[in-house]
């Protein structure tokens, strides 16, 4: 499910936007199609930003564990 939301959902939305540009009515083809493409890119960007935020949480947790190890043993882990 995660791979679908991260990769396939934005790709499907962008493809839908391209199809709307190619097959849509002439008077609203570009506005609607580019809006759909922008929505797909927004989904991708939100996923990217969420993953970046989650990476920061993991690094913060590792730092906290290293500090707890230092408090117990008097040395930094790995030294």
Protein backbone atom coordinates (compact mmCIF):
# COMPACT_ATOMS: atom_id res chain seq x y z
CA UNK A 1 0.00 0.00 0.00
CA UNK A 2 2.85 2.38 0.79
CA UNK A 3 4.42 1.94 -2.66
CA UNK A 4 1.06 2.66 -4.24
CA UNK A 5 0.65 5.94 -2.36
CA UNK A 6 4.27 7.02 -2.84
CA UNK A 7 4.79 6.11 -6.49
CA UNK A 8 1.75 4.86 -8.33
CA UNK A 9 -0.93 7.26 -7.11
CA UNK A 10 0.97 10.42 -8.16
CA UNK A 11 1.95 8.76 -11.45
CA UNK A 12 -1.65 7.78 -12.21
CA UNK A 13 -2.88 11.30 -11.45
CA UNK A 14 -0.21 12.84 -13.72
CA UNK A 15 -1.09 10.39 -16.51
CA UNK A 16 -4.75 11.31 -16.04
CA UNK A 17 -3.81 14.96 -16.43
CA UNK A 18 -1.88 14.26 -19.61
CA UNK A 19 -4.86 12.33 -20.96
CA UNK A 20 -7.14 15.23 -20.06
CA UNK A 21 -4.87 17.56 -22.04
CA UNK A 22 -4.80 15.20 -25.00
CA UNK A 23 -8.47 14.19 -25.06
CA UNK A 24 -10.34 16.98 -23.28
CA UNK A 25 -12.60 19.61 -24.79
CA UNK A 26 -10.63 22.34 -26.54
CA UNK A 27 -11.88 25.22 -24.41
CA UNK A 28 -10.79 23.78 -21.01
CA UNK A 29 -8.18 21.23 -22.05
CA UNK A 30 -5.07 23.01 -20.80
CA UNK A 31 -6.44 24.48 -17.58
CA UNK A 32 -8.02 21.26 -16.40
CA UNK A 33 -5.21 18.98 -17.52
CA UNK A 34 -2.46 21.08 -16.00
CA UNK A 35 -4.47 21.35 -12.78
CA UNK A 36 -4.65 17.57 -12.58
CA UNK A 37 -0.93 17.25 -13.35
CA UNK A 38 -0.21 19.79 -10.60
CA UNK A 39 -2.32 17.73 -8.17
CA UNK A 40 -0.27 14.62 -8.98
CA UNK A 41 2.97 16.51 -8.42
CA UNK A 42 1.60 17.87 -5.14
CA UNK A 43 0.84 14.33 -3.94
CA UNK A 44 4.40 13.31 -4.78
CA UNK A 45 5.87 16.36 -3.00
CA UNK A 46 3.80 15.81 0.15
CA UNK A 47 5.04 12.20 0.26
CA UNK A 48 8.63 13.39 -0.15
CA UNK A 49 8.32 15.98 2.62
CA UNK A 50 6.70 13.44 4.94
CA UNK A 51 9.56 10.99 4.38
CA UNK A 52 12.11 13.74 5.05
CA UNK A 53 10.35 14.57 8.31
CA UNK A 54 10.26 10.93 9.36
CA UNK A 55 14.01 10.63 8.69
CA UNK A 56 14.61 13.53 11.07
CA UNK A 57 12.59 11.74 13.76
CA UNK A 58 14.73 8.62 13.40
CA UNK A 59 17.93 10.65 13.66
CA UNK A 60 16.60 12.40 16.75
CA UNK A 61 15.72 9.04 18.34
CA UNK A 62 19.20 7.66 17.59
CA UNK A 63 20.77 10.75 19.19
CA UNK A 64 18.61 10.29 22.27
CA UNK A 65 19.63 6.63 22.56
CA UNK A 66 23.31 7.58 22.21
CA UNK A 67 22.97 10.16 24.99
CA UNK A 68 21.29 7.58 27.25
CA UNK A 69 24.16 5.16 26.52
CA UNK A 70 26.65 7.92 27.40
CA UNK A 71 24.87 8.56 30.70
CA UNK A 72 25.00 4.86 31.62
CA UNK A 73 28.56 4.04 30.48
CA UNK A 74 30.44 7.35 30.52
CA UNK A 75 31.51 7.11 26.88
CA UNK A 76 29.93 7.75 23.53
CA UNK A 77 28.76 4.60 21.69
CA UNK A 78 31.21 3.38 19.08
CA UNK A 79 34.30 4.97 20.65
